[in-house]
Amino acid sequence: MLQFPRVAFLCTLIKREVIEKIGGLDERFTPGNFEDDDFCLRAQLAGYKTVIAQDVFIHHFGSKSFKADGEKKYAERLKINHKIFVDKWGADPDEIWLKQKPFNHSRNLFISINNDEFKKSFERAQNNIKDKEFDLAITELGLAIEKYDTSDKAYSIISKEDLLLLSANVSLIIKDLEKANMFLKKL
């Protein structure tokens, strides 16, 4: 095994323990690119190592599915996801691992992958709020409201009224008065 800071997720084994501790891939990188860098960084910050098996050969045609829509769209996606990574961590992967540039260590490492859609969205919203990513939080809170009545767990986590009030408050933080008013009218 060769310890390496960044591993591409073309063929990856991840211990269940790691996923239970830091959750899944950050879907803001959908459909892909930089989600593996983000996961590797979160895993390392949680105390895990990323390694490459040296006794395995995998033939991989890099980025074929991403390039199916053309090189231009692929380049645009790379640029978008690079910005998302830098906005999230305060530095890009090369700066973090190769240049040892300081980055935002205080981020929440956990990305919920709960099967209960309400709980997943609510947990993600809580993390977004802690990380002061209020635009992302309001999106997740909207999803949590949509899934509230279909969840067996929602009532034991937060009342619908408190969820709507939280959503209104986050809307006020991002100065979206129209959305805040919408949530308040549902109370």
N, C-alpha and C. Protein backbone atom coordinates (compact mmCIF):
# COMPACT_ATOMS: atom_id res chain seq x y z
N MET A 1 0.83 -1.18 0.00
CA MET A 1 0.00 0.00 0.00
C MET A 1 0.89 1.25 0.00
N LEU A 2 0.44 2.22 -0.75
CA LEU A 2 1.14 3.49 -0.84
C LEU A 2 0.21 4.59 -0.34
N GLN A 3 0.61 5.25 0.75
CA GLN A 3 -0.22 6.34 1.26
C GLN A 3 -0.12 7.51 0.29
N PHE A 4 -1.28 8.06 -0.06
CA PHE A 4 -1.34 9.14 -1.03
C PHE A 4 -2.48 10.07 -0.63
N PRO A 5 -2.29 11.39 -0.71
CA PRO A 5 -3.33 12.29 -0.19
C PRO A 5 -4.62 12.32 -1.00
N ARG A 6 -4.53 12.17 -2.30
CA ARG A 6 -5.71 12.25 -3.16
C ARG A 6 -5.84 10.99 -3.98
N VAL A 7 -7.00 10.38 -3.91
CA VAL A 7 -7.25 9.22 -4.76
C VAL A 7 -8.51 9.48 -5.57
N ALA A 8 -8.43 9.17 -6.85
CA ALA A 8 -9.59 9.33 -7.73
C ALA A 8 -10.55 8.18 -7.46
N PHE A 9 -11.82 8.49 -7.43
CA PHE A 9 -12.82 7.49 -7.08
C PHE A 9 -13.30 6.70 -8.31
N LEU A 10 -12.38 6.20 -9.10
CA LEU A 10 -12.78 5.36 -10.23
C LEU A 10 -12.98 3.93 -9.79
N CYS A 11 -12.27 3.48 -8.78
CA CYS A 11 -12.44 2.15 -8.20
C CYS A 11 -11.95 2.26 -6.76
N THR A 12 -12.86 2.45 -5.85
CA THR A 12 -12.49 2.80 -4.49
C THR A 12 -13.18 1.90 -3.48
N LEU A 13 -12.44 1.49 -2.49
CA LEU A 13 -12.99 0.77 -1.35
C LEU A 13 -12.95 1.71 -0.15
N ILE A 14 -14.07 1.80 0.56
CA ILE A 14 -14.16 2.67 1.72
C ILE A 14 -14.74 1.86 2.87
N LYS A 15 -14.08 1.90 4.00
CA LYS A 15 -14.59 1.19 5.17
C LYS A 15 -15.91 1.82 5.61
N ARG A 16 -16.83 0.98 6.03
CA ARG A 16 -18.12 1.44 6.55
C ARG A 16 -17.90 2.42 7.70
N GLU A 17 -16.90 2.17 8.51
CA GLU A 17 -16.57 3.03 9.66
C GLU A 17 -16.33 4.48 9.21
N VAL A 18 -15.67 4.65 8.07
CA VAL A 18 -15.39 5.99 7.56
C VAL A 18 -16.70 6.67 7.16
N ILE A 19 -17.54 5.95 6.44
CA ILE A 19 -18.81 6.52 5.98
C ILE A 19 -19.72 6.83 7.18
N GLU A 20 -19.69 5.98 8.20
CA GLU A 20 -20.49 6.26 9.39
C GLU A 20 -20.01 7.51 10.11
N LYS A 21 -18.71 7.79 10.00
CA LYS A 21 -18.14 8.95 10.69
C LYS A 21 -18.28 10.24 9.88
N ILE A 22 -18.04 10.18 8.56
CA ILE A 22 -18.06 11.43 7.78
C ILE A 22 -19.19 11.48 6.75
N GLY A 23 -19.94 10.40 6.63
CA GLY A 23 -21.05 10.39 5.68
C GLY A 23 -20.60 10.09 4.27
N GLY A 24 -21.37 10.59 3.33
CA GLY A 24 -21.12 10.27 1.92
C GLY A 24 -20.47 11.39 1.15
N LEU A 25 -20.61 11.28 -0.16
CA LEU A 25 -20.06 12.30 -1.04
C LEU A 25 -20.90 13.57 -0.94
N ASP A 26 -20.26 14.69 -1.08
CA ASP A 26 -20.96 15.98 -1.05
C ASP A 26 -21.59 16.20 -2.42
N GLU A 27 -22.91 16.17 -2.45
CA GLU A 27 -23.64 16.21 -3.72
C GLU A 27 -23.62 17.56 -4.41
N ARG A 28 -23.05 18.58 -3.77
CA ARG A 28 -22.95 19.85 -4.49
C ARG A 28 -21.95 19.74 -5.64
N PHE A 29 -21.15 18.67 -5.66
CA PHE A 29 -20.20 18.42 -6.75
C PHE A 29 -20.81 17.58 -7.88
N THR A 30 -22.10 17.29 -7.80
CA THR A 30 -22.78 16.48 -8.81
C THR A 30 -22.68 17.14 -10.17
N PRO A 31 -22.43 16.41 -11.22
CA PRO A 31 -22.38 14.95 -11.32
C PRO A 31 -21.00 14.37 -11.02
N GLY A 32 -20.02 15.19 -10.75
CA GLY A 32 -18.71 14.66 -10.40
C GLY A 32 -17.60 15.66 -10.65
N ASN A 33 -16.42 15.33 -10.16
CA ASN A 33 -15.19 16.12 -10.18
C ASN A 33 -15.10 16.92 -8.89
N PHE A 34 -14.05 16.66 -8.16
CA PHE A 34 -13.72 17.27 -6.87
C PHE A 34 -14.48 16.65 -5.70
N GLU A 35 -15.49 15.80 -5.95
CA GLU A 35 -16.17 15.14 -4.85
C GLU A 35 -15.24 14.15 -4.18
N ASP A 36 -14.34 13.53 -4.96
CA ASP A 36 -13.38 12.59 -4.38
C ASP A 36 -12.31 13.34 -3.58
N ASP A 37 -11.87 14.49 -4.06
CA ASP A 37 -10.91 15.30 -3.30
C ASP A 37 -11.52 15.73 -1.97
N ASP A 38 -12.76 16.17 -2.02
CA ASP A 38 -13.48 16.60 -0.82
C ASP A 38 -13.60 15.44 0.17
N PHE A 39 -13.97 14.26 -0.33
CA PHE A 39 -14.12 13.10 0.55
C PHE A 39 -12.78 12.72 1.17
N CYS A 40 -11.72 12.70 0.37
CA CYS A 40 -10.39 12.36 0.88
C CYS A 40 -9.97 13.34 1.98
N LEU A 41 -10.19 14.62 1.76
CA LEU A 41 -9.81 15.62 2.74
C LEU A 41 -10.62 15.44 4.03
N ARG A 42 -11.93 15.25 3.90
CA ARG A 42 -12.76 15.03 5.09
C ARG A 42 -12.32 13.78 5.85
N ALA A 43 -12.01 12.71 5.12
CA ALA A 43 -11.56 11.47 5.76
C ALA A 43 -10.24 11.70 6.50
N GLN A 44 -9.32 12.40 5.88
CA GLN A 44 -8.03 12.65 6.53
C GLN A 44 -8.19 13.54 7.76
N LEU A 45 -9.06 14.53 7.68
CA LEU A 45 -9.31 15.39 8.83
C LEU A 45 -9.96 14.61 9.97
N ALA A 46 -10.67 13.53 9.63
CA ALA A 46 -11.30 12.67 10.64
C ALA A 46 -10.33 11.61 11.16
N GLY A 47 -9.09 11.63 10.66
CA GLY A 47 -8.07 10.71 11.17
C GLY A 47 -7.78 9.49 10.33
N TYR A 48 -8.33 9.41 9.13
CA TYR A 48 -8.11 8.25 8.26
C TYR A 48 -7.04 8.56 7.22
N LYS A 49 -6.52 7.50 6.61
CA LYS A 49 -5.52 7.64 5.56
C LYS A 49 -6.11 7.21 4.23
N THR A 50 -5.64 7.80 3.17
CA THR A 50 -6.00 7.35 1.83
C THR A 50 -4.77 6.65 1.26
N VAL A 51 -5.01 5.48 0.70
CA VAL A 51 -3.91 4.67 0.19
C VAL A 51 -4.26 4.11 -1.19
N ILE A 52 -3.21 3.73 -1.91
CA ILE A 52 -3.35 3.11 -3.23
C ILE A 52 -2.82 1.69 -3.11
N ALA A 53 -3.62 0.73 -3.57
CA ALA A 53 -3.16 -0.66 -3.60
C ALA A 53 -2.20 -0.80 -4.77
N GLN A 54 -1.00 -1.25 -4.50
CA GLN A 54 0.02 -1.35 -5.55
C GLN A 54 0.01 -2.69 -6.28
N ASP A 55 -0.82 -3.63 -5.81
CA ASP A 55 -0.85 -4.95 -6.44
C ASP A 55 -2.08 -5.14 -7.31
N VAL A 56 -2.70 -4.02 -7.73
CA VAL A 56 -3.90 -4.06 -8.54
C VAL A 56 -3.69 -3.18 -9.76
N PHE A 57 -4.17 -3.66 -10.91
CA PHE A 57 -4.14 -2.83 -12.11
C PHE A 57 -5.57 -2.63 -12.60
N ILE A 58 -5.94 -1.40 -12.82
CA ILE A 58 -7.26 -1.08 -13.35
C ILE A 58 -7.05 -0.19 -14.56
N HIS A 59 -7.58 -0.64 -15.69
CA HIS A 59 -7.50 0.17 -16.90
C HIS A 59 -8.72 1.08 -16.93
N HIS A 60 -8.47 2.38 -16.96
CA HIS A 60 -9.56 3.35 -16.87
C HIS A 60 -9.38 4.41 -17.94
N PHE A 61 -10.41 4.63 -18.73
CA PHE A 61 -10.40 5.71 -19.70
C PHE A 61 -10.93 6.95 -18.98
N GLY A 62 -10.05 7.80 -18.51
CA GLY A 62 -10.41 8.94 -17.68
C GLY A 62 -11.46 9.87 -18.27
N SER A 63 -12.46 10.15 -17.48
CA SER A 63 -13.49 11.17 -17.74
C SER A 63 -14.32 10.93 -18.99
N LYS A 64 -14.43 9.70 -19.46
CA LYS A 64 -15.22 9.41 -20.66
C LYS A 64 -16.67 9.84 -20.51
N SER A 65 -17.30 9.50 -19.40
CA SER A 65 -18.71 9.86 -19.23
C SER A 65 -18.88 11.37 -19.09
N PHE A 66 -17.93 12.03 -18.44
CA PHE A 66 -18.02 13.49 -18.30
C PHE A 66 -17.82 14.20 -19.62
N LYS A 67 -17.01 13.63 -20.49
CA LYS A 67 -16.72 14.26 -21.78
C LYS A 67 -17.73 13.91 -22.86
N ALA A 68 -18.71 13.07 -22.52
CA ALA A 68 -19.71 12.64 -23.50
C ALA A 68 -20.48 13.83 -24.07
N ASP A 69 -20.66 14.87 -23.27
CA ASP A 69 -21.37 16.07 -23.73
C ASP A 69 -20.43 17.08 -24.36
N GLY A 70 -19.19 16.71 -24.53
CA GLY A 70 -18.22 17.59 -25.17
C GLY A 70 -17.20 18.15 -24.20
N GLU A 71 -16.05 18.47 -24.76
CA GLU A 71 -14.93 18.99 -23.96
C GLU A 71 -15.28 20.32 -23.29
N LYS A 72 -16.06 21.15 -23.99
CA LYS A 72 -16.39 22.47 -23.45
C LYS A 72 -17.24 22.34 -22.18
N LYS A 73 -18.25 21.49 -22.21
CA LYS A 73 -19.10 21.30 -21.02
C LYS A 73 -18.30 20.67 -19.88
N TYR A 74 -17.39 19.76 -20.23
CA TYR A 74 -16.54 19.14 -19.22
C TYR A 74 -15.64 20.20 -18.56
N ALA A 75 -15.05 21.06 -19.36
CA ALA A 75 -14.20 22.12 -18.83
C ALA A 75 -15.01 23.08 -17.94
N GLU A 76 -16.24 23.37 -18.35
CA GLU A 76 -17.11 24.23 -17.53
C GLU A 76 -17.42 23.58 -16.19
N ARG A 77 -17.73 22.27 -16.21
CA ARG A 77 -18.03 21.54 -14.96
C ARG A 77 -16.81 21.53 -14.05
N LEU A 78 -15.63 21.31 -14.62
CA LEU A 78 -14.41 21.34 -13.81
C LEU A 78 -14.23 22.71 -13.14
N LYS A 79 -14.47 23.75 -13.90
CA LYS A 79 -14.32 25.11 -13.38
C LYS A 79 -15.33 25.38 -12.27
N ILE A 80 -16.58 24.98 -12.49
CA ILE A 80 -17.64 25.17 -11.48
C ILE A 80 -17.30 24.42 -10.20
N ASN A 81 -16.92 23.14 -10.34
CA ASN A 81 -16.66 22.33 -9.15
C ASN A 81 -15.37 22.74 -8.45
N HIS A 82 -14.40 23.24 -9.20
CA HIS A 82 -13.18 23.78 -8.60
C HIS A 82 -13.56 24.95 -7.69
N LYS A 83 -14.43 25.83 -8.19
CA LYS A 83 -14.87 26.99 -7.40
C LYS A 83 -15.63 26.53 -6.16
N ILE A 84 -16.47 25.52 -6.29
CA ILE A 84 -17.21 25.00 -5.14
C ILE A 84 -16.23 24.49 -4.09
N PHE A 85 -15.21 23.75 -4.52
CA PHE A 85 -14.21 23.23 -3.59
C PHE A 85 -13.48 24.37 -2.89
N VAL A 86 -13.03 25.35 -3.66
CA VAL A 86 -12.30 26.48 -3.08
C VAL A 86 -13.19 27.29 -2.14
N ASP A 87 -14.44 27.51 -2.52
CA ASP A 87 -15.37 28.22 -1.65
C ASP A 87 -15.58 27.45 -0.34
N LYS A 88 -15.62 26.14 -0.44
CA LYS A 88 -15.86 25.31 0.74
C LYS A 88 -14.64 25.27 1.66
N TRP A 89 -13.46 25.07 1.09
CA TRP A 89 -12.27 24.83 1.89
C TRP A 89 -11.30 26.01 1.98
N GLY A 90 -11.45 26.99 1.10
CA GLY A 90 -10.56 28.14 1.14
C GLY A 90 -9.27 27.96 0.37
N ALA A 91 -9.13 26.83 -0.31
CA ALA A 91 -7.94 26.54 -1.13
C ALA A 91 -8.30 25.38 -2.04
N ASP A 92 -7.55 25.24 -3.14
CA ASP A 92 -7.83 24.11 -4.02
C ASP A 92 -6.98 22.91 -3.61
N PRO A 93 -7.28 21.72 -4.12
CA PRO A 93 -6.56 20.51 -3.68
C PRO A 93 -5.04 20.60 -3.84
N ASP A 94 -4.56 21.15 -4.95
CA ASP A 94 -3.11 21.27 -5.13
C ASP A 94 -2.50 22.17 -4.06
N GLU A 95 -3.19 23.27 -3.76
CA GLU A 95 -2.66 24.17 -2.73
C GLU A 95 -2.64 23.49 -1.37
N ILE A 96 -3.65 22.71 -1.07
CA ILE A 96 -3.74 22.04 0.23
C ILE A 96 -2.67 20.97 0.36
N TRP A 97 -2.60 20.05 -0.63
CA TRP A 97 -1.72 18.89 -0.49
C TRP A 97 -0.31 19.11 -1.00
N LEU A 98 -0.13 19.90 -2.03
CA LEU A 98 1.21 20.08 -2.59
C LEU A 98 1.93 21.31 -2.03
N LYS A 99 1.19 22.37 -1.79
CA LYS A 99 1.81 23.62 -1.34
C LYS A 99 1.60 23.88 0.14
N GLN A 100 0.88 22.97 0.81
CA GLN A 100 0.63 23.08 2.25
C GLN A 100 -0.01 24.41 2.64
N LYS A 101 -0.85 24.94 1.75
CA LYS A 101 -1.54 26.20 2.03
C LYS A 101 -2.56 25.98 3.14
N PRO A 102 -2.64 26.90 4.08
CA PRO A 102 -3.67 26.78 5.12
C PRO A 102 -5.07 26.80 4.49
N PHE A 103 -5.98 26.04 5.08
CA PHE A 103 -7.35 25.97 4.58
C PHE A 103 -8.30 25.94 5.76
N ASN A 104 -9.57 25.96 5.49
CA ASN A 104 -10.60 26.03 6.52
C ASN A 104 -10.79 24.66 7.17
N HIS A 105 -10.12 24.43 8.30
CA HIS A 105 -10.22 23.16 9.04
C HIS A 105 -11.50 23.05 9.84
N SER A 106 -12.17 24.15 10.06
CA SER A 106 -13.29 24.15 11.00
C SER A 106 -14.61 23.69 10.39
N ARG A 107 -14.60 23.28 9.17
CA ARG A 107 -15.83 22.84 8.50
C ARG A 107 -16.36 21.56 9.14
N ASN A 108 -17.66 21.39 9.03
CA ASN A 108 -18.28 20.16 9.48
C ASN A 108 -17.93 19.07 8.47
N LEU A 109 -17.47 17.93 8.93
CA LEU A 109 -16.99 16.88 8.03
C LEU A 109 -18.10 15.94 7.56
N PHE A 110 -19.22 15.91 8.26
CA PHE A 110 -20.26 14.91 8.01
C PHE A 110 -21.22 15.35 6.92
N ILE A 111 -21.44 14.48 5.93
CA ILE A 111 -22.45 14.68 4.88
C ILE A 111 -23.44 13.53 5.02
N SER A 112 -24.65 13.83 5.46
CA SER A 112 -25.65 12.80 5.72
C SER A 112 -26.03 12.04 4.45
N ILE A 113 -26.16 10.73 4.60
CA ILE A 113 -26.66 9.87 3.52
C ILE A 113 -27.81 9.01 4.04
N ASN A 114 -28.54 9.55 5.00
CA ASN A 114 -29.63 8.83 5.64
C ASN A 114 -30.68 8.40 4.62
N ASN A 115 -31.26 7.22 4.80
CA ASN A 115 -32.32 6.74 3.90
C ASN A 115 -33.61 7.53 4.06
N ASP A 116 -33.83 8.09 5.23
CA ASP A 116 -35.00 8.93 5.46
C ASP A 116 -34.69 10.30 4.84
N GLU A 117 -35.40 10.65 3.78
CA GLU A 117 -35.10 11.87 3.04
C GLU A 117 -35.25 13.13 3.90
N PHE A 118 -36.22 13.14 4.80
CA PHE A 118 -36.36 14.28 5.71
C PHE A 118 -35.11 14.43 6.55
N LYS A 119 -34.73 13.33 7.23
CA LYS A 119 -33.59 13.38 8.15
C LYS A 119 -32.31 13.76 7.41
N LYS A 120 -32.13 13.21 6.20
CA LYS A 120 -30.93 13.54 5.42
C LYS A 120 -30.88 15.05 5.13
N SER A 121 -31.98 15.60 4.65
CA SER A 121 -32.01 17.03 4.34
C SER A 121 -31.87 17.89 5.59
N PHE A 122 -32.52 17.49 6.67
CA PHE A 122 -32.44 18.27 7.90
C PHE A 122 -31.02 18.25 8.47
N GLU A 123 -30.37 17.08 8.46
CA GLU A 123 -28.99 16.99 8.95
C GLU A 123 -28.05 17.82 8.08
N ARG A 124 -28.25 17.78 6.77
CA ARG A 124 -27.42 18.59 5.87
C ARG A 124 -27.65 20.07 6.12
N ALA A 125 -28.90 20.47 6.34
CA ALA A 125 -29.21 21.87 6.62
C ALA A 125 -28.53 22.32 7.91
N GLN A 126 -28.57 21.47 8.94
CA GLN A 126 -27.91 21.82 10.20
C GLN A 126 -26.41 22.04 9.99
N ASN A 127 -25.78 21.17 9.20
CA ASN A 127 -24.36 21.34 8.92
C ASN A 127 -24.10 22.61 8.11
N ASN A 128 -24.96 22.88 7.13
CA ASN A 128 -24.81 24.10 6.34
C ASN A 128 -24.92 25.34 7.23
N ILE A 129 -25.85 25.31 8.18
CA ILE A 129 -26.02 26.45 9.09
C ILE A 129 -24.75 26.62 9.95
N LYS A 130 -24.23 25.52 10.48
CA LYS A 130 -23.00 25.59 11.29
C LYS A 130 -21.84 26.16 10.47
N ASP A 131 -21.80 25.80 9.19
CA ASP A 131 -20.72 26.27 8.31
C ASP A 131 -21.02 27.62 7.66
N LYS A 132 -22.15 28.22 8.07
CA LYS A 132 -22.58 29.52 7.56
C LYS A 132 -22.82 29.52 6.05
N GLU A 133 -23.26 28.38 5.53
CA GLU A 133 -23.63 28.23 4.12
C GLU A 133 -25.15 28.31 4.04
N PHE A 134 -25.66 29.50 4.25
CA PHE A 134 -27.10 29.68 4.41
C PHE A 134 -27.88 29.44 3.12
N ASP A 135 -27.30 29.74 1.96
CA ASP A 135 -27.98 29.45 0.69
C ASP A 135 -28.21 27.95 0.54
N LEU A 136 -27.20 27.16 0.88
CA LEU A 136 -27.35 25.71 0.81
C LEU A 136 -28.32 25.22 1.88
N ALA A 137 -28.26 25.83 3.05
CA ALA A 137 -29.15 25.43 4.15
C ALA A 137 -30.61 25.62 3.76
N ILE A 138 -30.93 26.74 3.12
CA ILE A 138 -32.33 27.00 2.79
C ILE A 138 -32.83 26.00 1.76
N THR A 139 -31.98 25.57 0.86
CA THR A 139 -32.36 24.54 -0.11
C THR A 139 -32.67 23.23 0.61
N GLU A 140 -31.79 22.83 1.53
CA GLU A 140 -32.00 21.59 2.28
C GLU A 140 -33.22 21.69 3.19
N LEU A 141 -33.44 22.85 3.79
CA LEU A 141 -34.62 23.03 4.64
C LEU A 141 -35.90 22.92 3.81
N GLY A 142 -35.88 23.44 2.60
CA GLY A 142 -37.03 23.30 1.70
C GLY A 142 -37.32 21.84 1.41
N LEU A 143 -36.27 21.06 1.17
CA LEU A 143 -36.45 19.63 0.94
C LEU A 143 -36.97 18.93 2.20
N ALA A 144 -36.47 19.34 3.36
CA ALA A 144 -36.93 18.75 4.62
C ALA A 144 -38.41 19.04 4.83
N ILE A 145 -38.85 20.24 4.51
CA ILE A 145 -40.27 20.57 4.65
C ILE A 145 -41.11 19.71 3.72
N GLU A 146 -40.64 19.53 2.48
CA GLU A 146 -41.36 18.69 1.51
C GLU A 146 -41.52 17.25 2.00
N LYS A 147 -40.50 16.73 2.67
CA LYS A 147 -40.48 15.33 3.09
C LYS A 147 -40.98 15.12 4.51
N TYR A 148 -41.31 16.20 5.20
CA TYR A 148 -41.66 16.12 6.62
C TYR A 148 -42.80 15.13 6.88
N ASP A 149 -43.87 15.26 6.16
CA ASP A 149 -45.06 14.43 6.43
C ASP A 149 -44.90 12.97 6.02
N THR A 150 -43.91 12.65 5.21
CA THR A 150 -43.70 11.26 4.79
C THR A 150 -42.63 10.56 5.64
N SER A 151 -42.09 11.27 6.62
CA SER A 151 -41.02 10.72 7.45
C SER A 151 -41.57 10.19 8.78
N ASP A 152 -41.09 9.03 9.18
CA ASP A 152 -41.45 8.49 10.49
C ASP A 152 -40.67 9.17 11.61
N LYS A 153 -39.55 9.79 11.26
CA LYS A 153 -38.64 10.35 12.26
C LYS A 153 -38.82 11.84 12.48
N ALA A 154 -39.45 12.53 11.57
CA ALA A 154 -39.51 13.99 11.60
C ALA A 154 -40.08 14.52 12.91
N TYR A 155 -41.20 13.97 13.35
CA TYR A 155 -41.89 14.48 14.54
C TYR A 155 -41.01 14.40 15.79
N SER A 156 -40.15 13.39 15.86
CA SER A 156 -39.29 13.24 17.04
C SER A 156 -38.05 14.13 16.98
N ILE A 157 -37.79 14.73 15.83
CA ILE A 157 -36.61 15.57 15.65
C ILE A 157 -36.94 17.05 15.84
N ILE A 158 -38.01 17.49 15.20
CA ILE A 158 -38.40 18.90 15.25
C ILE A 158 -39.87 19.01 14.85
N SER A 159 -40.58 19.93 15.46
CA SER A 159 -41.97 20.12 15.07
C SER A 159 -41.99 20.83 13.71
N LYS A 160 -43.06 20.65 12.97
CA LYS A 160 -43.16 21.30 11.66
C LYS A 160 -43.15 22.82 11.82
N GLU A 161 -43.78 23.32 12.88
CA GLU A 161 -43.79 24.76 13.13
C GLU A 161 -42.38 25.29 13.36
N ASP A 162 -41.59 24.56 14.16
CA ASP A 162 -40.20 24.99 14.40
C ASP A 162 -39.36 24.90 13.14
N LEU A 163 -39.63 23.90 12.31
CA LEU A 163 -38.92 23.76 11.04
C LEU A 163 -39.24 24.95 10.13
N LEU A 164 -40.50 25.33 10.07
CA LEU A 164 -40.89 26.48 9.25
C LEU A 164 -40.29 27.77 9.80
N LEU A 165 -40.25 27.90 11.11
CA LEU A 165 -39.66 29.09 11.73
C LEU A 165 -38.16 29.15 11.47
N LEU A 166 -37.48 28.01 11.59
CA LEU A 166 -36.05 27.96 11.27
C LEU A 166 -35.82 28.36 9.81
N SER A 167 -36.64 27.84 8.93
CA SER A 167 -36.52 28.16 7.50
C SER A 167 -36.74 29.65 7.26
N ALA A 168 -37.70 30.24 7.94
CA ALA A 168 -37.95 31.68 7.81
C ALA A 168 -36.75 32.48 8.31
N ASN A 169 -36.18 32.06 9.43
CA ASN A 169 -35.02 32.76 9.98
C ASN A 169 -33.80 32.68 9.06
N VAL A 170 -33.57 31.50 8.49
CA VAL A 170 -32.45 31.37 7.56
C VAL A 170 -32.71 32.22 6.32
N SER A 171 -33.96 32.28 5.87
CA SER A 171 -34.31 33.14 4.74
C SER A 171 -34.01 34.60 5.05
N LEU A 172 -34.27 35.01 6.27
CA LEU A 172 -33.97 36.39 6.67
C LEU A 172 -32.47 36.65 6.68
N ILE A 173 -31.70 35.65 7.10
CA ILE A 173 -30.24 35.80 7.10
C ILE A 173 -29.72 36.08 5.69
N ILE A 174 -30.30 35.38 4.70
CA ILE A 174 -29.84 35.59 3.31
C ILE A 174 -30.63 36.70 2.62
N LYS A 175 -31.43 37.41 3.43
CA LYS A 175 -32.18 38.58 2.96
C LYS A 175 -33.21 38.25 1.87
N ASP A 176 -33.78 37.05 1.97
CA ASP A 176 -34.85 36.65 1.06
C ASP A 176 -36.18 36.83 1.80
N LEU A 177 -36.67 38.05 1.80
CA LEU A 177 -37.88 38.38 2.55
C LEU A 177 -39.11 37.66 2.01
N GLU A 178 -39.15 37.47 0.70
CA GLU A 178 -40.27 36.78 0.08
C GLU A 178 -40.37 35.33 0.58
N LYS A 179 -39.22 34.65 0.61
CA LYS A 179 -39.20 33.27 1.07
C LYS A 179 -39.51 33.20 2.57
N ALA A 180 -38.97 34.13 3.35
CA ALA A 180 -39.25 34.16 4.79
C ALA A 180 -40.75 34.32 5.02
N ASN A 181 -41.36 35.22 4.29
CA ASN A 181 -42.80 35.45 4.40
C ASN A 181 -43.59 34.20 4.03
N MET A 182 -43.14 33.49 2.99
CA MET A 182 -43.80 32.26 2.57
C MET A 182 -43.80 31.23 3.70
N PHE A 183 -42.63 31.05 4.34
CA PHE A 183 -42.54 30.08 5.44
C PHE A 183 -43.41 30.51 6.62
N LEU A 184 -43.42 31.79 6.94
CA LEU A 184 -44.21 32.28 8.07
C LEU A 184 -45.70 32.11 7.83
N LYS A 185 -46.15 32.26 6.58
CA LYS A 185 -47.56 32.08 6.26
C LYS A 185 -48.01 30.63 6.43
N LYS A 186 -47.07 29.70 6.36
CA LYS A 186 -47.42 28.28 6.52
C LYS A 186 -47.55 27.87 7.99
N LEU A 187 -47.16 28.77 8.90
CA LEU A 187 -47.22 28.46 10.35
C LEU A 187 -48.66 28.34 10.82
